[in-house]
N, C-alpha and C. Protein backbone atom coordinates (compact mmCIF):
# COMPACT_ATOMS: atom_id res chain seq x y z
N MET A 1 47.09 -8.73 -10.01
CA MET A 1 46.83 -10.10 -10.38
C MET A 1 47.84 -10.99 -9.68
N LYS A 2 47.38 -12.08 -9.12
CA LYS A 2 48.22 -12.99 -8.36
C LYS A 2 48.98 -13.91 -9.32
N ALA A 3 50.27 -14.10 -9.03
CA ALA A 3 51.10 -14.99 -9.87
C ALA A 3 50.79 -16.44 -9.53
N ASN A 4 50.78 -17.25 -10.55
CA ASN A 4 50.57 -18.69 -10.35
C ASN A 4 51.90 -19.37 -10.04
N GLY A 5 51.83 -20.55 -9.44
CA GLY A 5 53.04 -21.32 -9.17
C GLY A 5 53.47 -21.16 -7.73
N ARG A 6 54.58 -21.79 -7.45
CA ARG A 6 55.08 -21.77 -6.07
C ARG A 6 55.63 -20.39 -5.71
N PRO A 7 55.55 -20.01 -4.44
CA PRO A 7 56.09 -18.71 -4.02
C PRO A 7 57.62 -18.73 -4.07
N LEU A 8 58.19 -17.57 -4.29
CA LEU A 8 59.65 -17.46 -4.31
C LEU A 8 60.20 -17.66 -2.91
N LEU A 9 61.38 -18.25 -2.82
CA LEU A 9 62.02 -18.48 -1.52
C LEU A 9 62.76 -17.21 -1.08
N SER A 10 62.83 -17.01 0.21
CA SER A 10 63.59 -15.87 0.75
C SER A 10 65.08 -16.21 0.68
N ASP A 11 65.91 -15.20 0.89
CA ASP A 11 67.36 -15.43 0.89
C ASP A 11 67.78 -16.42 1.96
N ASN A 12 67.14 -16.35 3.13
CA ASN A 12 67.46 -17.30 4.21
C ASN A 12 67.08 -18.72 3.83
N GLU A 13 65.94 -18.89 3.17
CA GLU A 13 65.51 -20.22 2.74
C GLU A 13 66.45 -20.77 1.66
N ILE A 14 66.88 -19.90 0.74
CA ILE A 14 67.83 -20.31 -0.30
C ILE A 14 69.15 -20.72 0.34
N SER A 15 69.59 -19.96 1.32
CA SER A 15 70.83 -20.29 2.03
C SER A 15 70.71 -21.64 2.74
N THR A 16 69.56 -21.90 3.33
CA THR A 16 69.33 -23.17 4.02
C THR A 16 69.36 -24.34 3.03
N VAL A 17 68.75 -24.15 1.87
CA VAL A 17 68.77 -25.20 0.84
C VAL A 17 70.21 -25.50 0.44
N PHE A 18 70.98 -24.45 0.20
CA PHE A 18 72.38 -24.66 -0.20
C PHE A 18 73.18 -25.34 0.91
N GLN A 19 72.98 -24.93 2.15
CA GLN A 19 73.72 -25.54 3.26
C GLN A 19 73.41 -27.03 3.38
N LYS A 20 72.19 -27.42 3.06
CA LYS A 20 71.85 -28.85 3.10
C LYS A 20 72.54 -29.61 1.98
N LEU A 21 72.66 -28.99 0.82
CA LEU A 21 73.24 -29.66 -0.36
C LEU A 21 74.77 -29.66 -0.37
N GLU A 22 75.37 -28.62 0.18
CA GLU A 22 76.81 -28.39 0.05
C GLU A 22 77.68 -29.59 0.40
N PRO A 23 77.53 -30.22 1.56
CA PRO A 23 78.44 -31.32 1.88
C PRO A 23 78.35 -32.48 0.88
N TYR A 24 77.18 -32.73 0.36
CA TYR A 24 77.00 -33.84 -0.59
C TYR A 24 77.60 -33.49 -1.95
N LEU A 25 77.44 -32.24 -2.37
CA LEU A 25 78.03 -31.81 -3.64
C LEU A 25 79.55 -31.79 -3.55
N MET A 26 80.06 -31.33 -2.40
CA MET A 26 81.52 -31.26 -2.23
C MET A 26 82.15 -32.65 -2.14
N SER A 27 81.35 -33.65 -1.79
CA SER A 27 81.89 -35.01 -1.73
C SER A 27 81.83 -35.70 -3.09
N GLY A 28 81.31 -34.99 -4.11
CA GLY A 28 81.33 -35.52 -5.46
C GLY A 28 80.01 -36.08 -5.95
N LEU A 29 78.95 -35.98 -5.16
CA LEU A 29 77.66 -36.49 -5.62
C LEU A 29 77.05 -35.56 -6.66
N SER A 30 76.24 -36.13 -7.53
CA SER A 30 75.51 -35.33 -8.52
C SER A 30 74.41 -34.55 -7.80
N ILE A 31 73.83 -33.60 -8.50
CA ILE A 31 72.74 -32.82 -7.91
C ILE A 31 71.59 -33.76 -7.53
N ARG A 32 71.29 -34.71 -8.39
CA ARG A 32 70.19 -35.64 -8.12
C ARG A 32 70.43 -36.41 -6.83
N LYS A 33 71.65 -36.96 -6.67
CA LYS A 33 71.96 -37.73 -5.46
C LYS A 33 72.07 -36.83 -4.23
N ALA A 34 72.62 -35.64 -4.41
CA ALA A 34 72.73 -34.70 -3.29
C ALA A 34 71.34 -34.31 -2.80
N CYS A 35 70.42 -34.08 -3.71
CA CYS A 35 69.05 -33.74 -3.33
C CYS A 35 68.40 -34.89 -2.55
N ALA A 36 68.63 -36.10 -3.01
CA ALA A 36 68.06 -37.26 -2.31
C ALA A 36 68.63 -37.38 -0.90
N GLN A 37 69.94 -37.21 -0.76
CA GLN A 37 70.57 -37.31 0.55
C GLN A 37 70.14 -36.19 1.49
N ALA A 38 70.05 -34.98 0.94
CA ALA A 38 69.70 -33.81 1.76
C ALA A 38 68.19 -33.66 1.94
N LYS A 39 67.43 -34.51 1.26
CA LYS A 39 65.97 -34.44 1.32
C LYS A 39 65.45 -33.07 0.88
N VAL A 40 66.02 -32.61 -0.24
CA VAL A 40 65.61 -31.35 -0.85
C VAL A 40 65.00 -31.70 -2.22
N PRO A 41 63.82 -31.19 -2.54
CA PRO A 41 63.23 -31.50 -3.84
C PRO A 41 64.11 -31.01 -5.00
N ARG A 42 64.33 -31.89 -5.97
CA ARG A 42 65.14 -31.50 -7.13
C ARG A 42 64.51 -30.34 -7.86
N SER A 43 63.20 -30.31 -7.93
CA SER A 43 62.52 -29.22 -8.65
C SER A 43 62.88 -27.87 -8.02
N THR A 44 62.99 -27.83 -6.70
CA THR A 44 63.36 -26.59 -6.01
C THR A 44 64.77 -26.15 -6.44
N VAL A 45 65.68 -27.11 -6.45
CA VAL A 45 67.07 -26.80 -6.81
C VAL A 45 67.15 -26.34 -8.26
N TYR A 46 66.47 -27.04 -9.16
CA TYR A 46 66.53 -26.65 -10.57
C TYR A 46 65.88 -25.29 -10.82
N CYS A 47 64.80 -25.00 -10.10
CA CYS A 47 64.18 -23.66 -10.21
C CYS A 47 65.13 -22.58 -9.71
N LEU A 48 65.78 -22.86 -8.58
CA LEU A 48 66.72 -21.88 -8.02
C LEU A 48 67.91 -21.66 -8.94
N THR A 49 68.44 -22.73 -9.53
CA THR A 49 69.59 -22.55 -10.42
C THR A 49 69.20 -21.77 -11.68
N ALA A 50 67.95 -21.93 -12.11
CA ALA A 50 67.50 -21.20 -13.30
C ALA A 50 67.23 -19.72 -12.99
N ARG A 51 66.78 -19.44 -11.77
CA ARG A 51 66.38 -18.07 -11.42
C ARG A 51 67.44 -17.26 -10.69
N ASN A 52 68.36 -17.93 -10.01
CA ASN A 52 69.27 -17.24 -9.09
C ASN A 52 70.72 -17.55 -9.46
N GLN A 53 71.39 -16.59 -10.09
CA GLN A 53 72.77 -16.79 -10.54
C GLN A 53 73.72 -17.05 -9.37
N GLY A 54 73.48 -16.40 -8.24
CA GLY A 54 74.33 -16.61 -7.06
C GLY A 54 74.24 -18.04 -6.55
N PHE A 55 73.02 -18.58 -6.53
CA PHE A 55 72.82 -19.98 -6.11
C PHE A 55 73.50 -20.92 -7.09
N LEU A 56 73.36 -20.65 -8.39
CA LEU A 56 74.01 -21.47 -9.41
C LEU A 56 75.53 -21.45 -9.24
N ASP A 57 76.09 -20.29 -8.95
CA ASP A 57 77.54 -20.18 -8.73
C ASP A 57 77.98 -21.00 -7.52
N GLN A 58 77.20 -20.95 -6.45
CA GLN A 58 77.53 -21.73 -5.25
C GLN A 58 77.49 -23.24 -5.55
N ILE A 59 76.48 -23.67 -6.27
CA ILE A 59 76.37 -25.09 -6.65
C ILE A 59 77.56 -25.50 -7.51
N THR A 60 77.91 -24.67 -8.47
CA THR A 60 79.03 -24.97 -9.38
C THR A 60 80.33 -25.07 -8.61
N ARG A 61 80.60 -24.12 -7.71
CA ARG A 61 81.83 -24.16 -6.90
C ARG A 61 81.89 -25.42 -6.04
N SER A 62 80.78 -25.79 -5.45
CA SER A 62 80.75 -26.98 -4.61
C SER A 62 81.01 -28.24 -5.41
N LYS A 63 80.46 -28.30 -6.62
CA LYS A 63 80.67 -29.47 -7.47
C LYS A 63 82.12 -29.56 -7.94
N GLN A 64 82.81 -28.43 -8.04
CA GLN A 64 84.20 -28.41 -8.51
C GLN A 64 85.21 -28.65 -7.39
N TYR A 65 84.75 -28.73 -6.16
CA TYR A 65 85.65 -28.83 -5.00
C TYR A 65 86.64 -29.98 -5.12
N ILE A 66 86.17 -31.18 -5.42
CA ILE A 66 87.07 -32.34 -5.49
C ILE A 66 88.06 -32.18 -6.63
N SER A 67 87.61 -31.64 -7.76
CA SER A 67 88.53 -31.43 -8.89
C SER A 67 89.65 -30.47 -8.51
N VAL A 68 89.29 -29.39 -7.85
CA VAL A 68 90.30 -28.41 -7.43
C VAL A 68 91.25 -29.04 -6.41
N LEU A 69 90.69 -29.77 -5.45
CA LEU A 69 91.50 -30.42 -4.44
C LEU A 69 92.47 -31.42 -5.08
N LEU A 70 91.98 -32.20 -6.02
CA LEU A 70 92.81 -33.18 -6.70
C LEU A 70 93.91 -32.50 -7.51
N CYS A 71 93.57 -31.40 -8.18
CA CYS A 71 94.58 -30.66 -8.94
C CYS A 71 95.67 -30.10 -8.03
N LEU A 72 95.27 -29.56 -6.89
CA LEU A 72 96.25 -29.01 -5.95
C LEU A 72 97.17 -30.11 -5.42
N GLU A 73 96.59 -31.25 -5.06
CA GLU A 73 97.38 -32.36 -4.52
C GLU A 73 98.30 -32.95 -5.60
N THR A 74 97.79 -33.07 -6.81
CA THR A 74 98.61 -33.57 -7.91
C THR A 74 99.78 -32.63 -8.17
N SER A 75 99.52 -31.34 -8.17
CA SER A 75 100.60 -30.36 -8.37
C SER A 75 101.63 -30.46 -7.26
N ARG A 76 101.16 -30.61 -6.02
CA ARG A 76 102.08 -30.73 -4.88
C ARG A 76 102.96 -31.96 -5.03
N MET A 77 102.36 -33.06 -5.46
CA MET A 77 103.13 -34.29 -5.63
C MET A 77 104.16 -34.13 -6.75
N LEU A 78 103.78 -33.50 -7.85
CA LEU A 78 104.72 -33.28 -8.96
C LEU A 78 105.87 -32.37 -8.54
N ILE A 79 105.56 -31.35 -7.76
CA ILE A 79 106.60 -30.44 -7.27
C ILE A 79 107.57 -31.19 -6.35
N ASN A 80 107.03 -32.02 -5.46
CA ASN A 80 107.89 -32.81 -4.56
C ASN A 80 108.79 -33.76 -5.34
N ILE A 81 108.26 -34.40 -6.36
CA ILE A 81 109.06 -35.31 -7.18
C ILE A 81 110.17 -34.53 -7.89
N THR A 82 109.81 -33.37 -8.43
CA THR A 82 110.79 -32.53 -9.12
C THR A 82 111.90 -32.09 -8.17
N GLU A 83 111.52 -31.67 -6.95
CA GLU A 83 112.52 -31.24 -5.96
C GLU A 83 113.46 -32.39 -5.60
N ARG A 84 112.91 -33.59 -5.42
CA ARG A 84 113.77 -34.74 -5.10
C ARG A 84 114.71 -35.05 -6.25
N GLN A 85 114.22 -34.94 -7.49
CA GLN A 85 115.09 -35.17 -8.64
C GLN A 85 116.19 -34.11 -8.73
N ASN A 86 115.84 -32.85 -8.46
CA ASN A 86 116.82 -31.77 -8.51
C ASN A 86 117.91 -31.93 -7.45
N GLN A 87 117.56 -32.60 -6.34
CA GLN A 87 118.53 -32.85 -5.28
C GLN A 87 119.37 -34.10 -5.58
N GLY A 88 119.08 -34.75 -6.70
CA GLY A 88 119.84 -35.93 -7.09
C GLY A 88 119.34 -37.23 -6.52
N ASN A 89 118.19 -37.21 -5.88
CA ASN A 89 117.61 -38.43 -5.31
C ASN A 89 116.95 -39.26 -6.41
N GLU A 90 117.02 -40.58 -6.25
CA GLU A 90 116.36 -41.46 -7.21
C GLU A 90 114.87 -41.51 -6.91
N LEU A 91 114.10 -41.79 -7.95
CA LEU A 91 112.66 -41.89 -7.78
C LEU A 91 112.30 -43.25 -7.18
N SER A 92 111.35 -43.24 -6.28
CA SER A 92 110.85 -44.50 -5.71
C SER A 92 109.88 -45.13 -6.70
N ASN A 93 109.53 -46.38 -6.44
CA ASN A 93 108.53 -47.05 -7.28
C ASN A 93 107.20 -46.30 -7.22
N LEU A 94 106.87 -45.76 -6.05
CA LEU A 94 105.64 -45.00 -5.90
C LEU A 94 105.66 -43.75 -6.78
N ASP A 95 106.80 -43.06 -6.80
CA ASP A 95 106.94 -41.88 -7.66
C ASP A 95 106.77 -42.26 -9.13
N ILE A 96 107.42 -43.32 -9.53
CA ILE A 96 107.35 -43.77 -10.92
C ILE A 96 105.92 -44.16 -11.28
N ASN A 97 105.26 -44.89 -10.38
CA ASN A 97 103.87 -45.28 -10.64
C ASN A 97 102.95 -44.07 -10.74
N PHE A 98 103.19 -43.08 -9.87
CA PHE A 98 102.39 -41.87 -9.95
C PHE A 98 102.62 -41.15 -11.27
N LEU A 99 103.88 -41.04 -11.70
CA LEU A 99 104.18 -40.36 -12.96
C LEU A 99 103.56 -41.11 -14.15
N LYS A 100 103.57 -42.43 -14.09
CA LYS A 100 102.93 -43.22 -15.16
C LYS A 100 101.43 -42.94 -15.18
N TRP A 101 100.81 -42.95 -13.98
CA TRP A 101 99.38 -42.67 -13.90
C TRP A 101 99.09 -41.28 -14.45
N PHE A 102 99.91 -40.31 -14.06
CA PHE A 102 99.71 -38.93 -14.50
C PHE A 102 99.81 -38.84 -16.02
N ALA A 103 100.83 -39.48 -16.59
CA ALA A 103 101.01 -39.43 -18.04
C ALA A 103 99.85 -40.08 -18.78
N MET A 104 99.27 -41.11 -18.18
CA MET A 104 98.16 -41.82 -18.83
C MET A 104 96.84 -41.07 -18.71
N HIS A 105 96.67 -40.27 -17.67
CA HIS A 105 95.36 -39.69 -17.40
C HIS A 105 95.28 -38.18 -17.57
N TYR A 106 96.39 -37.48 -17.46
CA TYR A 106 96.34 -36.02 -17.60
C TYR A 106 96.08 -35.67 -19.06
N VAL A 107 95.13 -34.79 -19.29
CA VAL A 107 94.70 -34.46 -20.64
C VAL A 107 95.87 -33.97 -21.51
N GLY A 108 96.76 -33.18 -20.93
CA GLY A 108 97.89 -32.66 -21.70
C GLY A 108 98.88 -33.72 -22.12
N CYS A 109 98.94 -34.84 -21.41
CA CYS A 109 99.88 -35.92 -21.73
C CYS A 109 99.19 -37.09 -22.43
N ARG A 110 97.91 -37.19 -22.30
CA ARG A 110 97.20 -38.38 -22.77
C ARG A 110 97.42 -38.67 -24.25
N GLU A 111 97.40 -37.63 -25.08
CA GLU A 111 97.56 -37.87 -26.51
C GLU A 111 98.92 -38.47 -26.84
N GLU A 112 99.94 -38.04 -26.12
CA GLU A 112 101.28 -38.54 -26.42
C GLU A 112 101.59 -39.85 -25.71
N TYR A 113 101.24 -39.97 -24.43
CA TYR A 113 101.64 -41.13 -23.64
C TYR A 113 100.48 -42.04 -23.26
N GLY A 114 99.27 -41.54 -23.38
CA GLY A 114 98.12 -42.27 -22.84
C GLY A 114 97.57 -43.33 -23.76
N ARG A 115 96.54 -43.95 -23.28
CA ARG A 115 95.83 -44.96 -24.06
C ARG A 115 94.38 -44.52 -24.16
N LYS A 116 93.70 -45.06 -25.12
CA LYS A 116 92.28 -44.77 -25.25
C LYS A 116 91.54 -45.48 -24.13
N VAL A 117 90.81 -44.71 -23.34
CA VAL A 117 90.08 -45.26 -22.22
C VAL A 117 88.60 -44.98 -22.44
N ASP A 118 87.77 -45.97 -22.20
CA ASP A 118 86.33 -45.77 -22.29
C ASP A 118 85.90 -44.97 -21.07
N ASP A 119 85.56 -43.69 -21.28
CA ASP A 119 85.21 -42.80 -20.18
C ASP A 119 83.96 -43.25 -19.44
N ASN A 120 83.15 -44.08 -20.07
CA ASN A 120 81.94 -44.56 -19.40
C ASN A 120 82.26 -45.54 -18.27
N LEU A 121 83.49 -46.07 -18.25
CA LEU A 121 83.88 -47.02 -17.22
C LEU A 121 84.53 -46.33 -16.03
N PHE A 122 84.66 -45.02 -16.06
CA PHE A 122 85.33 -44.28 -15.00
C PHE A 122 84.52 -44.35 -13.71
N ASP A 123 85.17 -44.77 -12.64
CA ASP A 123 84.52 -44.84 -11.32
C ASP A 123 85.23 -43.85 -10.41
N PRO A 124 84.63 -42.69 -10.12
CA PRO A 124 85.31 -41.67 -9.33
C PRO A 124 85.75 -42.17 -7.95
N GLU A 125 84.94 -42.98 -7.31
CA GLU A 125 85.29 -43.47 -5.98
C GLU A 125 86.56 -44.32 -6.03
N MET A 126 86.66 -45.19 -7.04
CA MET A 126 87.85 -46.02 -7.18
C MET A 126 89.09 -45.15 -7.46
N GLU A 127 88.92 -44.14 -8.28
CA GLU A 127 90.02 -43.25 -8.63
C GLU A 127 90.48 -42.46 -7.40
N ILE A 128 89.54 -42.00 -6.58
CA ILE A 128 89.86 -41.26 -5.36
C ILE A 128 90.64 -42.16 -4.40
N GLN A 129 90.21 -43.41 -4.26
CA GLN A 129 90.91 -44.34 -3.38
C GLN A 129 92.32 -44.61 -3.88
N ARG A 130 92.48 -44.75 -5.21
CA ARG A 130 93.80 -45.00 -5.77
C ARG A 130 94.73 -43.80 -5.53
N ILE A 131 94.22 -42.59 -5.75
CA ILE A 131 95.01 -41.38 -5.50
C ILE A 131 95.35 -41.29 -4.02
N SER A 132 94.39 -41.61 -3.17
CA SER A 132 94.61 -41.56 -1.72
C SER A 132 95.76 -42.48 -1.32
N ARG A 133 95.79 -43.69 -1.90
CA ARG A 133 96.89 -44.62 -1.59
C ARG A 133 98.23 -44.04 -2.03
N LEU A 134 98.26 -43.42 -3.22
CA LEU A 134 99.49 -42.80 -3.70
C LEU A 134 99.94 -41.67 -2.78
N VAL A 135 98.99 -40.83 -2.36
CA VAL A 135 99.31 -39.71 -1.48
C VAL A 135 99.82 -40.21 -0.14
N LYS A 136 99.18 -41.22 0.43
CA LYS A 136 99.63 -41.78 1.71
C LYS A 136 101.03 -42.34 1.59
N GLY A 137 101.30 -43.00 0.47
CA GLY A 137 102.64 -43.54 0.26
C GLY A 137 103.68 -42.45 0.17
N LEU A 138 103.36 -41.37 -0.54
CA LEU A 138 104.30 -40.25 -0.65
C LEU A 138 104.49 -39.56 0.70
N ASN A 139 103.41 -39.43 1.46
CA ASN A 139 103.51 -38.80 2.78
C ASN A 139 104.39 -39.64 3.71
N GLU A 140 104.29 -40.95 3.63
CA GLU A 140 105.11 -41.81 4.46
C GLU A 140 106.59 -41.69 4.08
N ILE A 141 106.86 -41.53 2.80
CA ILE A 141 108.24 -41.35 2.33
C ILE A 141 108.77 -40.00 2.81
N SER A 142 107.92 -38.96 2.76
CA SER A 142 108.35 -37.61 3.16
C SER A 142 108.69 -37.53 4.64
N LEU A 143 107.96 -38.31 5.45
CA LEU A 143 108.15 -38.23 6.89
C LEU A 143 109.39 -38.96 7.23
């Protein structure tokens, strides 16, 4: 008996779908927006994520890329600040501003030092640009 519905995709076709989506997901776009940019039907992606655990894992890792990158960079900045303090150097205004931002936004510090923020107003692009300015400032100080 013939199965109804769309035919299953081959491994090569699944790989091609992921390769089209990957750059958009890694840049922080949602699956919906990544599908629109990559010109991949959302229904195909949702079917693949439901049926193929490997594809779902790849999508999840790609969506987490910016978070991981931001965590690594934040850790590097905190380590650099700590090293400068241990050497007896004073903190720059940029260091102080970064530490204030970190205390206000990091989940572990937010309850003690942070303020209540309406999460619906969060703009990832604005936050990335602000972090980028902080990183550039720290890099200029390091050089």
